[in-house]
Amino acid sequence: MKTQRKTRLAVLALAAALVGSLLLSSCGQQETQTGDQTQTQSGQAVNVNYGISNPWDSLMPYYSVSGSNYSRIIYDKIYDRLAYVQPDGTCLPRAASSWESAEEGYAIVFHLDEKAAFHDGTPVTAQHWVDTLTLITDPACQILGRGTFACLTGTDEEGAVQAGQKVGAEAVDEHTLKLTFKNPVVPEEFLVDKNRELYVLPTHLLTDIAPADLVTDDFWLSPVGSGPCKFVSEVSGSTLVLESNPDYQLGAPGFDTLTITVMDKSNLLTALISGDLDYYAFGGSITEENRAVAEQAGFTVQEGTVPSTFYELMLNNETLSSPQLRQAINAALDKDLLCQQSTGTLGTVTDSSILPGTDYAGPAAQSAYDPDKAKELLAQAGYDGQTYTLACTSQRASLAALIQQNLEAVGLKVEIETVDSATMFAGMNDGTYDMGVASHTPTSLPLWFTGARLTPQNNIFRVGDLSTYTTLINAIGQETNQTARIDLVDELEAYLKQQMPFVPLWFGDALHVQSNTVTGIDYPSSACCNENVWQWQKTV
């Protein structure tokens, strides 16, 4: 305890020194409002320094090899999306001013903002959205993640338009877009699920590019979008400079330039305290351990209102082939201890992937920790002393060690392999590993997790027979009556608890360090891969 206290005091002293350096370096520099722009008294342009811990992998928004949120949060600024999504599932206008369900749930009509324009001044029309969807569902166009659009009529199960068909997108008039679906959809649920994958492209500038060459064309070295920021320059994998779009329909950002810099995650808070950064993605997230450091340095720390992280223990259902064996693992884990070790007081133990507080969430989870029951289930499963592999990233090595201790306490042998995240997920997918510790950003949708991981295209848990899951998931997806849908979700949840294809662990709440130099930031919504930069204002 004394050692921990000394360490904390040393960190606080460092933070205080950094703050002092910041105050000295910024002494005498003031800013004034000049028209629509914020400028220093010296007349210099106002820049927001933005940190991010992983690089984007392409500036073509439909060609992210990783499909990661680090790329999506960049696309969010250059390109426009239909809506602005908040963590509780609320959808606010963005490129679309409003929307409504049509054709008994088989279509959504979007009324587009008539003030929207591309960075070259060309107005954004419904036809641009139709042409975008037509282009990216063209089988010759080598986009990634096309399965996102398999929900639209005219497409196959991989999201490519079928021969002789047209994708389900229509320009009703210049500013009215209608999307048509294979199954009934709820507009807000479609937006929560797909909004971060759907961007309008300047198709009027792409007519001379063959669909087969689109994603690798030099156009994306200096792209044109219709988002709140315009492209200026890029050092690939390192730095991206954007500038404020003064004509953005929701308002011009309150800065001149936005410089996005990739740096090690462990350095983000230090850079914020020293003044090298004004803000960092996602939402200035901070651990409870570092909360005192930030507050001692003069920063306000905001607690998130909706859980921002879901933790799970991935299971290989091929090697852990018995439901009793998988249930034994669940019963052997002291989730309260694991949660506390990882998140302190900011976690809530769960027995489900459904976000707490939503209409689909069941009663609060009761502790399933029961070592004696775990031993009985191991005996029922016929466990013969085999050693299983548990994969984790280096940041979660101590958590994996606790899981290992829990499992070995009931007689289940486990060895830990520390790998990077990509290797872990690839190893779970190809059967290299038996277990893996993972976390994800949840949404308010009941199928946000299971609907994407229990499919033939993404059977990461290596379930031998997906038929029951497929039937239940499809039934939920096609049901629009709320009461009936809740009943179907309950049925799926009961089946998940019986089969235990993965072990839900806990939901973690976020802490956000508020910027001392930029106002107007919506911190929690960054978890949805969108940021309200049009409302940001650099103040000092």
Protein backbone atom coordinates (compact mmCIF):
# COMPACT_ATOMS: atom_id res chain seq x y z
CA MET A 1 0.00 0.00 0.00
CA LYS A 2 2.84 2.46 0.86
CA THR A 3 4.53 1.68 -2.44
CA GLN A 4 1.28 2.36 -4.36
CA ARG A 5 0.82 5.66 -2.48
CA LYS A 6 4.40 6.75 -3.27
CA THR A 7 3.91 5.87 -6.93
CA ARG A 8 0.69 7.88 -7.08
CA LEU A 9 2.33 10.90 -5.44
CA ALA A 10 5.18 10.74 -7.91
CA VAL A 11 2.75 10.70 -10.82
CA LEU A 12 0.83 13.64 -9.36
CA ALA A 13 4.04 15.60 -8.97
CA LEU A 14 4.91 14.92 -12.61
CA ALA A 15 1.46 16.04 -13.70
CA ALA A 16 1.74 19.24 -11.67
CA ALA A 17 5.12 19.98 -13.24
CA LEU A 18 3.68 19.44 -16.70
CA VAL A 19 0.81 21.79 -15.95
CA GLY A 20 3.26 24.42 -14.77
CA SER A 21 5.14 24.06 -18.03
CA LEU A 22 1.87 24.44 -19.94
CA LEU A 23 0.95 27.63 -18.05
CA LEU A 24 4.35 29.16 -18.71
CA SER A 25 4.36 28.26 -22.39
CA SER A 26 0.88 29.70 -22.94
CA CYS A 27 1.40 32.84 -20.82
CA GLY A 28 0.54 36.03 -22.70
CA GLN A 29 -1.19 34.30 -25.62
CA GLN A 30 -4.83 35.29 -25.98
CA GLU A 31 -7.42 34.76 -28.67
CA THR A 32 -10.23 36.90 -30.05
CA GLN A 33 -13.27 36.22 -32.19
CA THR A 34 -12.87 37.62 -35.72
CA GLY A 35 -15.97 37.10 -37.80
CA ASP A 36 -16.62 33.37 -38.15
CA GLN A 37 -13.06 32.39 -37.21
CA THR A 38 -11.14 32.29 -33.95
CA GLN A 39 -7.72 33.90 -34.19
CA THR A 40 -4.93 34.74 -31.81
CA GLN A 41 -4.06 38.40 -31.34
CA SER A 42 -1.00 37.72 -33.47
CA GLY A 43 -3.32 36.83 -36.34
CA GLN A 44 -2.18 33.20 -36.50
CA ALA A 45 -4.64 30.53 -37.59
CA VAL A 46 -6.23 28.55 -34.78
CA ASN A 47 -5.33 24.88 -34.70
CA VAL A 48 -6.79 22.04 -32.65
CA ASN A 49 -4.26 19.29 -31.86
CA TYR A 50 -6.07 15.94 -31.83
CA GLY A 51 -4.45 12.69 -30.68
CA ILE A 52 -5.32 9.17 -31.75
CA SER A 53 -3.63 5.94 -30.67
CA ASN A 54 -3.94 3.98 -33.92
CA PRO A 55 -3.65 5.11 -37.55
CA TRP A 56 -6.41 5.14 -40.14
CA ASP A 57 -5.59 2.72 -42.95
CA SER A 58 -7.17 4.53 -45.92
CA LEU A 59 -8.92 7.79 -46.74
CA MET A 60 -11.34 5.93 -49.00
CA PRO A 61 -14.24 5.36 -46.56
CA TYR A 62 -15.27 2.05 -48.10
CA TYR A 63 -11.77 0.59 -48.14
CA SER A 64 -10.62 0.24 -44.54
CA VAL A 65 -8.64 -3.00 -44.34
CA SER A 66 -9.01 -3.10 -40.56
CA GLY A 67 -12.60 -1.88 -40.53
CA SER A 68 -11.59 -0.20 -37.30
CA ASN A 69 -13.15 2.66 -35.38
CA TYR A 70 -9.87 4.54 -35.78
CA SER A 71 -10.60 4.83 -39.49
CA ARG A 72 -14.30 5.54 -38.99
CA ILE A 73 -13.61 8.46 -36.64
CA ILE A 74 -11.49 10.02 -39.43
CA TYR A 75 -14.09 9.45 -42.15
CA ASP A 76 -16.62 11.07 -39.86
CA LYS A 77 -14.90 14.43 -40.36
CA ILE A 78 -14.22 14.41 -44.11
CA TYR A 79 -17.44 12.74 -45.28
CA ASP A 80 -21.05 13.14 -44.24
CA ARG A 81 -23.40 10.61 -42.71
CA LEU A 82 -27.17 10.53 -42.60
CA ALA A 83 -27.44 11.00 -38.83
CA TYR A 84 -25.54 11.74 -35.63
CA VAL A 85 -25.86 8.79 -33.24
CA GLN A 86 -25.66 9.04 -29.46
CA PRO A 87 -24.77 6.18 -27.06
CA ASP A 88 -28.36 5.68 -25.88
CA GLY A 89 -29.51 5.08 -29.47
CA THR A 90 -30.89 8.58 -30.04
CA CYS A 91 -30.37 9.71 -33.65
CA LEU A 92 -30.05 13.42 -34.48
CA PRO A 93 -30.08 15.07 -37.93
CA ARG A 94 -26.91 15.36 -39.92
CA ALA A 95 -27.02 14.95 -43.73
CA ALA A 96 -30.68 14.03 -43.30
CA SER A 97 -32.93 16.56 -41.54
CA SER A 98 -35.60 13.94 -40.82
CA TRP A 99 -36.75 10.46 -41.76
CA GLU A 100 -39.73 8.14 -41.47
CA SER A 101 -40.68 4.53 -42.06
CA ALA A 102 -42.57 3.68 -45.25
CA GLU A 103 -44.11 0.71 -47.05
CA GLU A 104 -45.02 -1.08 -43.80
CA GLY A 105 -41.44 -1.00 -42.58
CA TYR A 106 -39.81 -2.18 -45.82
CA ALA A 107 -38.51 1.30 -46.66
CA ILE A 108 -37.12 4.43 -45.00
CA VAL A 109 -37.57 7.89 -46.50
CA PHE A 110 -34.81 10.40 -45.68
CA HIS A 111 -35.36 14.12 -46.16
CA LEU A 112 -31.91 15.52 -46.89
CA ASP A 113 -30.62 18.85 -45.67
CA GLU A 114 -30.90 21.18 -48.67
CA LYS A 115 -27.89 23.23 -47.52
CA ALA A 116 -25.46 20.29 -47.73
CA ALA A 117 -22.64 20.67 -50.26
CA PHE A 118 -19.41 18.95 -51.21
CA HIS A 119 -16.12 20.66 -50.54
CA ASP A 120 -15.93 21.73 -54.22
CA GLY A 121 -19.22 23.63 -53.78
CA THR A 122 -21.46 21.11 -55.56
CA PRO A 123 -24.79 20.63 -53.73
CA VAL A 124 -25.35 17.16 -52.26
CA THR A 125 -28.47 15.57 -53.73
CA ALA A 126 -30.40 12.36 -53.23
CA GLN A 127 -28.95 11.20 -56.54
CA HIS A 128 -25.45 11.39 -55.06
CA TRP A 129 -26.56 8.97 -52.33
CA VAL A 130 -28.16 6.66 -54.92
CA ASP A 131 -25.07 6.79 -57.13
CA THR A 132 -22.86 6.08 -54.10
CA LEU A 133 -24.84 2.97 -53.19
CA THR A 134 -25.00 1.86 -56.82
CA LEU A 135 -21.23 2.20 -57.13
CA ILE A 136 -20.21 0.44 -53.92
CA THR A 137 -22.59 -2.49 -54.49
CA ASP A 138 -21.24 -2.99 -58.02
CA PRO A 139 -19.51 -6.41 -57.93
CA ALA A 140 -16.59 -4.91 -59.85
CA CYS A 141 -15.95 -2.32 -57.15
CA GLN A 142 -13.55 -3.87 -54.66
CA ILE A 143 -14.79 -2.21 -51.48
CA LEU A 144 -14.40 -3.88 -48.11
CA GLY A 145 -17.24 -4.57 -45.70
CA ARG A 146 -19.85 -4.75 -48.46
CA GLY A 147 -21.94 -7.13 -46.36
CA THR A 148 -23.23 -4.01 -44.62
CA PHE A 149 -25.47 -3.42 -47.63
CA ALA A 150 -26.86 -6.95 -47.94
CA CYS A 151 -30.00 -5.66 -46.20
CA LEU A 152 -30.98 -3.61 -49.28
CA THR A 153 -33.16 -5.05 -52.01
CA GLY A 154 -31.37 -6.07 -55.19
CA THR A 155 -28.25 -7.30 -53.39
CA ASP A 156 -26.99 -10.79 -52.63
CA GLU A 157 -25.94 -12.05 -49.19
CA GLU A 158 -22.53 -10.40 -49.62
CA GLY A 159 -24.01 -6.99 -50.43
CA ALA A 160 -23.24 -7.00 -54.16
CA VAL A 161 -26.03 -6.05 -56.55
CA GLN A 162 -27.37 -9.07 -58.42
CA ALA A 163 -27.36 -9.34 -62.20
CA GLY A 164 -30.36 -7.60 -63.71
CA GLN A 165 -31.24 -5.91 -60.40
CA LYS A 166 -30.89 -2.40 -58.98
CA VAL A 167 -29.86 -1.64 -55.43
CA GLY A 168 -32.75 -0.53 -53.22
CA ALA A 169 -32.02 3.20 -53.34
CA GLU A 170 -34.16 5.81 -55.09
CA ALA A 171 -34.01 9.58 -55.47
CA VAL A 172 -37.68 10.48 -54.99
CA ASP A 173 -36.76 14.09 -55.70
CA GLU A 174 -33.65 16.24 -55.41
CA HIS A 175 -33.55 16.06 -51.62
CA THR A 176 -35.57 12.93 -50.78
CA LEU A 177 -33.85 9.55 -50.58
CA LYS A 178 -35.71 6.26 -50.19
CA LEU A 179 -33.97 3.05 -49.16
CA THR A 180 -35.81 -0.25 -49.61
CA PHE A 181 -35.05 -3.36 -47.57
CA LYS A 182 -35.51 -7.11 -47.85
CA ASN A 183 -37.04 -7.24 -44.38
CA PRO A 184 -38.88 -4.65 -42.26
CA VAL A 185 -36.59 -2.27 -40.39
CA VAL A 186 -36.97 0.37 -37.70
CA PRO A 187 -35.35 3.60 -38.99
CA GLU A 188 -33.49 4.43 -35.79
CA GLU A 189 -32.21 0.87 -35.44
CA PHE A 190 -30.96 0.95 -39.03
CA LEU A 191 -29.11 4.16 -38.31
CA VAL A 192 -27.58 2.91 -35.05
CA ASP A 193 -26.42 -0.23 -36.86
CA LYS A 194 -25.32 1.13 -40.25
CA ASN A 195 -24.76 4.87 -39.93
CA ARG A 196 -21.02 4.61 -39.27
CA GLU A 197 -20.61 2.53 -42.46
CA LEU A 198 -22.59 4.77 -44.83
CA TYR A 199 -21.08 7.91 -46.41
CA VAL A 200 -22.04 9.94 -49.45
CA LEU A 201 -19.33 10.18 -52.12
CA PRO A 202 -18.78 12.98 -54.67
CA THR A 203 -19.87 10.70 -57.49
CA HIS A 204 -19.86 13.65 -59.92
CA LEU A 205 -16.06 13.62 -59.59
CA LEU A 206 -15.70 9.84 -59.96
CA THR A 207 -17.34 9.28 -63.35
CA ASP A 208 -14.03 8.76 -65.18
CA ILE A 209 -12.84 6.11 -62.71
CA ALA A 210 -13.76 2.49 -63.49
CA PRO A 211 -15.49 0.72 -60.57
CA ALA A 212 -12.70 -1.87 -60.51
CA ASP A 213 -10.13 0.90 -60.00
CA LEU A 214 -12.09 3.10 -57.62
CA VAL A 215 -10.67 2.15 -54.22
CA THR A 216 -7.03 2.44 -55.31
CA ASP A 217 -7.36 5.57 -57.43
CA ASP A 218 -5.20 8.61 -56.62
CA PHE A 219 -8.39 10.57 -55.90
CA TRP A 220 -8.20 9.33 -52.30
CA LEU A 221 -4.76 10.88 -51.82
CA SER A 222 -6.54 14.24 -51.72
CA PRO A 223 -10.21 13.36 -51.21
CA VAL A 224 -13.26 15.58 -51.49
CA GLY A 225 -16.16 14.97 -49.12
CA SER A 226 -19.08 16.93 -47.72
CA GLY A 227 -18.27 16.65 -44.02
CA PRO A 228 -17.44 19.36 -41.48
CA CYS A 229 -13.72 19.29 -42.33
CA LYS A 230 -11.78 19.49 -45.58
CA PHE A 231 -8.64 17.52 -46.42
CA VAL A 232 -5.37 19.48 -46.39
CA SER A 233 -2.46 17.03 -46.15
CA GLU A 234 -1.42 13.61 -44.86
CA VAL A 235 1.68 11.81 -43.70
CA SER A 236 0.45 8.25 -44.02
CA GLY A 237 0.05 6.50 -40.68
CA SER A 238 1.31 9.52 -38.79
CA THR A 239 -0.39 12.90 -39.29
CA LEU A 240 -3.52 14.21 -40.98
CA VAL A 241 -4.28 17.91 -41.34
CA LEU A 242 -7.85 19.03 -41.99
CA GLU A 243 -9.40 22.48 -42.16
CA SER A 244 -12.77 23.81 -41.09
CA ASN A 245 -15.54 23.62 -43.70
CA PRO A 246 -17.16 27.08 -43.41
CA ASP A 247 -20.17 25.91 -45.43
CA TYR A 248 -21.06 22.80 -43.45
CA GLN A 249 -24.84 22.68 -43.10
CA LEU A 250 -24.82 22.27 -39.32
CA GLY A 251 -22.30 25.07 -38.81
CA ALA A 252 -18.60 25.78 -39.26
CA PRO A 253 -16.22 24.29 -36.67
CA GLY A 254 -14.74 26.94 -34.36
CA PHE A 255 -11.15 26.44 -35.47
CA ASP A 256 -9.13 26.88 -38.64
CA THR A 257 -7.30 23.56 -38.76
CA LEU A 258 -7.47 20.18 -37.06
CA THR A 259 -4.17 18.32 -36.83
CA ILE A 260 -4.62 14.63 -36.06
CA THR A 261 -1.49 12.89 -34.77
CA VAL A 262 -0.92 9.19 -34.06
CA MET A 263 0.82 8.51 -30.76
CA ASP A 264 1.16 5.70 -28.26
CA LYS A 265 -1.97 5.31 -26.15
CA SER A 266 0.02 5.60 -22.93
CA ASN A 267 1.19 9.07 -23.95
CA LEU A 268 -2.20 10.62 -24.73
CA LEU A 269 -3.01 11.92 -21.24
CA THR A 270 0.53 13.18 -20.70
CA ALA A 271 0.36 15.06 -24.01
CA LEU A 272 -2.99 16.56 -23.03
CA ILE A 273 -1.63 17.74 -19.68
CA SER A 274 1.52 19.21 -21.25
CA GLY A 275 -0.53 21.13 -23.82
CA ASP A 276 0.73 19.20 -26.85
CA LEU A 277 -2.85 18.02 -27.39
CA ASP A 278 -6.20 19.79 -27.07
CA TYR A 279 -8.19 16.53 -27.14
CA TYR A 280 -7.78 12.87 -27.99
CA ALA A 281 -10.03 10.12 -29.36
CA PHE A 282 -12.22 8.52 -28.25
CA GLY A 283 -13.82 11.09 -25.99
CA GLY A 284 -10.64 11.67 -23.99
CA SER A 285 -11.07 8.26 -22.43
CA ILE A 286 -9.20 7.70 -19.18
CA THR A 287 -8.83 4.89 -16.64
CA GLU A 288 -10.03 5.29 -13.08
CA GLU A 289 -6.42 4.90 -11.96
CA ASN A 290 -5.45 8.06 -13.85
CA ARG A 291 -8.48 10.10 -12.87
CA ALA A 292 -6.68 11.76 -9.96
CA VAL A 293 -3.75 12.60 -12.24
CA ALA A 294 -6.02 14.45 -14.65
CA GLU A 295 -7.92 16.25 -11.90
CA GLN A 296 -4.72 17.24 -10.10
CA ALA A 297 -3.55 18.74 -13.39
CA GLY A 298 -6.63 20.96 -13.51
CA PHE A 299 -8.88 18.94 -15.80
CA THR A 300 -12.53 18.08 -15.23
CA VAL A 301 -13.31 14.37 -15.59
CA GLN A 302 -16.79 13.49 -16.84
CA GLU A 303 -18.37 10.11 -16.18
CA GLY A 304 -20.15 8.50 -19.09
CA THR A 305 -23.91 7.98 -18.79
CA VAL A 306 -24.05 4.80 -20.89
CA PRO A 307 -21.60 1.85 -20.71
CA SER A 308 -19.00 2.26 -23.42
CA THR A 309 -17.25 -1.13 -23.34
CA PHE A 310 -18.39 -4.76 -23.28
CA TYR A 311 -15.92 -7.41 -22.11
CA GLU A 312 -16.21 -11.06 -23.04
CA LEU A 313 -14.27 -14.28 -22.89
CA MET A 314 -14.33 -15.71 -26.41
CA LEU A 315 -14.70 -19.48 -26.55
CA ASN A 316 -13.79 -21.96 -29.27
CA ASN A 317 -16.90 -24.14 -29.42
CA GLU A 318 -15.06 -26.71 -31.52
CA THR A 319 -12.37 -27.52 -28.95
CA LEU A 320 -14.57 -26.62 -25.95
CA SER A 321 -17.23 -28.78 -27.51
CA SER A 322 -19.52 -29.48 -24.55
CA PRO A 323 -22.07 -26.92 -23.27
CA GLN A 324 -21.32 -28.22 -19.76
CA LEU A 325 -17.63 -27.46 -20.24
CA ARG A 326 -18.39 -23.91 -21.40
CA GLN A 327 -20.85 -23.44 -18.51
CA ALA A 328 -18.16 -24.67 -16.13
CA ILE A 329 -15.86 -21.91 -17.35
CA ASN A 330 -18.62 -19.36 -16.72
CA ALA A 331 -19.25 -20.68 -13.19
CA ALA A 332 -15.52 -20.76 -12.38
CA LEU A 333 -14.96 -17.07 -13.08
CA ASP A 334 -15.16 -14.58 -10.24
CA LYS A 335 -16.50 -11.81 -12.48
CA ASP A 336 -16.78 -9.31 -9.65
CA LEU A 337 -13.06 -9.66 -8.94
CA LEU A 338 -12.14 -9.59 -12.64
CA CYS A 339 -14.28 -6.53 -13.24
CA GLN A 340 -12.83 -4.67 -10.26
CA GLN A 341 -9.29 -5.51 -11.31
CA SER A 342 -9.92 -4.12 -14.78
CA THR A 343 -12.25 -1.16 -14.25
CA GLY A 344 -12.33 -0.40 -10.51
CA THR A 345 -15.77 0.96 -9.69
CA LEU A 346 -16.64 1.69 -13.33
CA GLY A 347 -17.85 -1.78 -14.30
CA THR A 348 -21.09 -3.75 -14.04
CA VAL A 349 -20.95 -7.55 -14.16
CA THR A 350 -23.27 -9.04 -16.76
CA ASP A 351 -24.55 -12.37 -18.03
CA SER A 352 -25.61 -10.91 -21.40
CA SER A 353 -24.27 -8.82 -24.28
CA ILE A 354 -27.41 -6.64 -24.19
CA LEU A 355 -26.73 -3.10 -23.04
CA PRO A 356 -28.11 -2.47 -19.52
CA GLY A 357 -30.94 0.01 -19.29
CA THR A 358 -32.39 -0.72 -22.73
CA ASP A 359 -35.86 -2.17 -23.32
CA TYR A 360 -34.31 -5.53 -24.17
CA ALA A 361 -32.19 -5.90 -21.04
CA GLY A 362 -33.24 -8.47 -18.47
CA PRO A 363 -32.93 -8.21 -14.68
CA ALA A 364 -29.58 -7.20 -13.22
CA ALA A 365 -27.13 -10.09 -13.38
CA GLN A 366 -26.63 -12.18 -10.27
CA SER A 367 -23.19 -13.54 -9.51
CA ALA A 368 -22.67 -16.84 -11.32
CA TYR A 369 -19.42 -17.53 -9.45
CA ASP A 370 -19.75 -21.05 -8.08
CA PRO A 371 -16.51 -23.11 -8.05
CA ASP A 372 -18.26 -26.23 -6.74
CA LYS A 373 -20.80 -26.11 -9.53
CA ALA A 374 -17.96 -25.58 -12.01
CA LYS A 375 -16.29 -28.78 -10.78
CA GLU A 376 -19.56 -30.72 -11.16
CA LEU A 377 -20.02 -29.42 -14.70
CA LEU A 378 -16.44 -30.37 -15.58
CA ALA A 379 -17.15 -33.92 -14.40
CA GLN A 380 -20.37 -34.02 -16.43
CA ALA A 381 -18.45 -32.83 -19.48
CA GLY A 382 -15.89 -35.61 -19.07
CA TYR A 383 -12.96 -33.22 -18.81
CA ASP A 384 -9.76 -35.29 -18.95
CA GLY A 385 -7.12 -32.77 -17.89
CA GLN A 386 -6.42 -31.24 -21.31
CA THR A 387 -4.59 -27.91 -21.33
CA TYR A 388 -6.34 -25.08 -23.18
CA THR A 389 -4.82 -21.88 -24.61
CA LEU A 390 -6.00 -18.43 -23.50
CA ALA A 391 -4.99 -15.58 -25.82
CA CYS A 392 -4.77 -11.96 -24.71
CA THR A 393 -3.07 -8.70 -25.58
CA SER A 394 -0.23 -7.40 -23.40
CA GLN A 395 -2.53 -4.78 -21.85
CA ARG A 396 -4.73 -7.55 -20.50
CA ALA A 397 -2.03 -9.93 -19.33
CA SER A 398 -2.85 -9.41 -15.64
CA LEU A 399 -6.55 -9.97 -16.32
CA ALA A 400 -5.75 -13.18 -18.20
CA ALA A 401 -3.62 -14.32 -15.25
CA LEU A 402 -6.61 -13.93 -12.91
CA ILE A 403 -8.81 -15.88 -15.34
CA GLN A 404 -6.15 -18.58 -15.44
CA GLN A 405 -6.12 -18.73 -11.62
CA ASN A 406 -9.92 -19.00 -11.47
CA LEU A 407 -9.98 -21.84 -13.97
CA GLU A 408 -7.08 -23.76 -12.47
CA ALA A 409 -8.72 -23.47 -9.04
CA VAL A 410 -11.50 -25.77 -10.31
CA GLY A 411 -9.05 -28.09 -12.09
CA LEU A 412 -9.13 -26.66 -15.63
CA LYS A 413 -5.60 -26.32 -17.05
CA VAL A 414 -4.85 -23.16 -19.01
CA GLU A 415 -1.76 -21.64 -20.62
CA ILE A 416 -1.63 -17.98 -21.64
CA GLU A 417 -0.37 -16.68 -24.99
CA THR A 418 0.21 -12.93 -25.23
CA VAL A 419 -0.28 -11.66 -28.78
CA ASP A 420 -1.45 -8.53 -30.57
CA SER A 421 -5.16 -7.98 -31.12
CA ALA A 422 -5.20 -8.92 -34.81
CA THR A 423 -3.40 -12.20 -34.11
CA MET A 424 -5.79 -13.03 -31.29
CA PHE A 425 -8.92 -12.56 -33.39
CA ALA A 426 -7.38 -14.40 -36.34
CA GLY A 427 -6.39 -17.25 -34.01
CA MET A 428 -9.90 -17.49 -32.59
CA ASN A 429 -11.33 -17.46 -36.09
CA ASP A 430 -9.07 -20.26 -37.40
CA GLY A 431 -9.16 -22.36 -34.22
CA THR A 432 -5.61 -21.71 -33.02
CA TYR A 433 -6.79 -20.60 -29.58
CA ASP A 434 -9.39 -22.02 -27.22
CA MET A 435 -10.19 -18.78 -25.40
CA GLY A 436 -9.50 -15.07 -25.82
CA VAL A 437 -10.13 -11.93 -23.77
CA ALA A 438 -11.78 -9.20 -25.84
CA SER A 439 -13.68 -5.95 -25.49
CA HIS A 440 -16.06 -4.14 -27.83
CA THR A 441 -18.06 -0.93 -28.11
CA PRO A 442 -21.73 -1.81 -27.52
CA THR A 443 -24.84 -0.24 -29.02
CA SER A 444 -28.44 -0.14 -27.83
CA LEU A 445 -29.51 -2.78 -30.38
CA PRO A 446 -30.31 -6.26 -29.02
CA LEU A 447 -28.36 -8.01 -31.78
CA TRP A 448 -25.38 -5.67 -31.94
CA PHE A 449 -23.08 -8.48 -30.75
CA THR A 450 -24.74 -11.84 -31.42
CA GLY A 451 -26.14 -10.83 -34.81
CA ALA A 452 -22.64 -10.18 -36.13
CA ARG A 453 -20.74 -13.07 -34.52
CA LEU A 454 -23.04 -16.05 -34.92
CA THR A 455 -23.30 -16.07 -38.70
CA PRO A 456 -21.77 -18.31 -41.39
CA GLN A 457 -19.70 -15.31 -42.55
CA ASN A 458 -18.33 -14.54 -39.07
CA ASN A 459 -18.57 -17.68 -36.96
CA ILE A 460 -15.70 -16.58 -34.71
CA PHE A 461 -16.82 -18.92 -31.90
CA ARG A 462 -16.66 -21.89 -34.31
CA VAL A 463 -20.17 -23.12 -33.51
CA GLY A 464 -20.81 -26.38 -35.35
CA ASP A 465 -24.53 -25.89 -35.91
CA LEU A 466 -25.75 -22.33 -36.27
CA SER A 467 -29.28 -23.21 -37.36
CA THR A 468 -31.03 -22.39 -34.08
CA TYR A 469 -29.12 -19.14 -33.70
CA THR A 470 -29.92 -18.21 -37.30
CA THR A 471 -33.63 -18.89 -36.81
CA LEU A 472 -33.83 -16.85 -33.62
CA ILE A 473 -31.70 -13.97 -34.90
CA ASN A 474 -33.64 -13.73 -38.18
CA ALA A 475 -36.94 -13.74 -36.30
CA ILE A 476 -35.78 -10.84 -34.12
CA GLY A 477 -34.52 -8.92 -37.14
CA GLN A 478 -37.83 -9.24 -38.96
CA GLU A 479 -40.10 -8.42 -36.01
CA THR A 480 -41.11 -4.75 -35.72
CA ASN A 481 -43.62 -5.08 -32.87
CA GLN A 482 -41.72 -4.09 -29.73
CA THR A 483 -43.47 -6.47 -27.31
CA ALA A 484 -43.12 -9.45 -29.61
CA ARG A 485 -39.52 -8.55 -30.27
CA ILE A 486 -38.67 -8.45 -26.57
CA ASP A 487 -40.14 -11.96 -26.22
CA LEU A 488 -37.97 -13.21 -29.08
CA VAL A 489 -34.88 -11.60 -27.56
CA ASP A 490 -35.66 -13.34 -24.26
CA GLU A 491 -35.86 -16.66 -26.14
CA LEU A 492 -32.46 -16.07 -27.73
CA GLU A 493 -30.95 -15.08 -24.39
CA ALA A 494 -32.23 -18.27 -22.76
CA TYR A 495 -30.65 -20.33 -25.54
CA LEU A 496 -27.35 -18.44 -25.18
CA LYS A 497 -27.23 -19.17 -21.45
CA GLN A 498 -27.86 -22.85 -22.18
CA GLN A 499 -25.23 -23.18 -24.91
CA MET A 500 -22.75 -20.55 -23.62
CA PRO A 501 -20.92 -19.95 -26.95
CA PHE A 502 -19.08 -17.08 -25.23
CA VAL A 503 -18.87 -15.81 -21.65
CA PRO A 504 -20.18 -12.27 -21.03
CA LEU A 505 -18.06 -10.60 -18.35
CA TRP A 506 -18.99 -6.98 -17.67
CA PHE A 507 -19.86 -3.59 -19.11
CA GLY A 508 -17.45 -0.76 -18.40
CA ASP A 509 -18.38 2.90 -18.02
CA ALA A 510 -16.15 5.56 -19.50
CA LEU A 511 -14.36 8.49 -17.92
CA HIS A 512 -13.74 11.48 -20.19
CA VAL A 513 -11.09 14.12 -19.60
CA GLN A 514 -12.65 17.39 -20.70
CA SER A 515 -10.49 19.67 -22.80
CA ASN A 516 -9.39 22.92 -21.22
CA THR A 517 -8.96 24.55 -24.62
CA VAL A 518 -11.91 23.33 -26.72
CA THR A 519 -15.55 23.71 -25.75
CA GLY A 520 -18.68 22.07 -27.13
CA ILE A 521 -17.32 18.52 -27.31
CA ASP A 522 -19.86 15.70 -26.98
CA TYR A 523 -17.54 13.22 -25.27
CA PRO A 524 -19.75 10.10 -24.90
CA SER A 525 -20.91 10.07 -28.54
CA SER A 526 -17.37 9.52 -29.78
CA ALA A 527 -17.91 5.86 -28.85
CA CYS A 528 -20.40 5.77 -31.76
CA CYS A 529 -17.59 6.85 -34.10
CA ASN A 530 -19.01 10.33 -34.61
CA GLU A 531 -17.88 13.65 -33.17
CA ASN A 532 -19.73 16.96 -33.28
CA VAL A 533 -16.76 18.98 -34.53
CA TRP A 534 -19.13 21.59 -36.02
CA GLN A 535 -19.90 22.60 -32.42
CA TRP A 536 -16.31 22.66 -31.21
CA GLN A 537 -14.79 26.02 -30.35
CA LYS A 538 -11.07 26.56 -29.65
CA THR A 539 -11.05 29.07 -26.80
CA VAL A 540 -7.44 29.50 -25.68
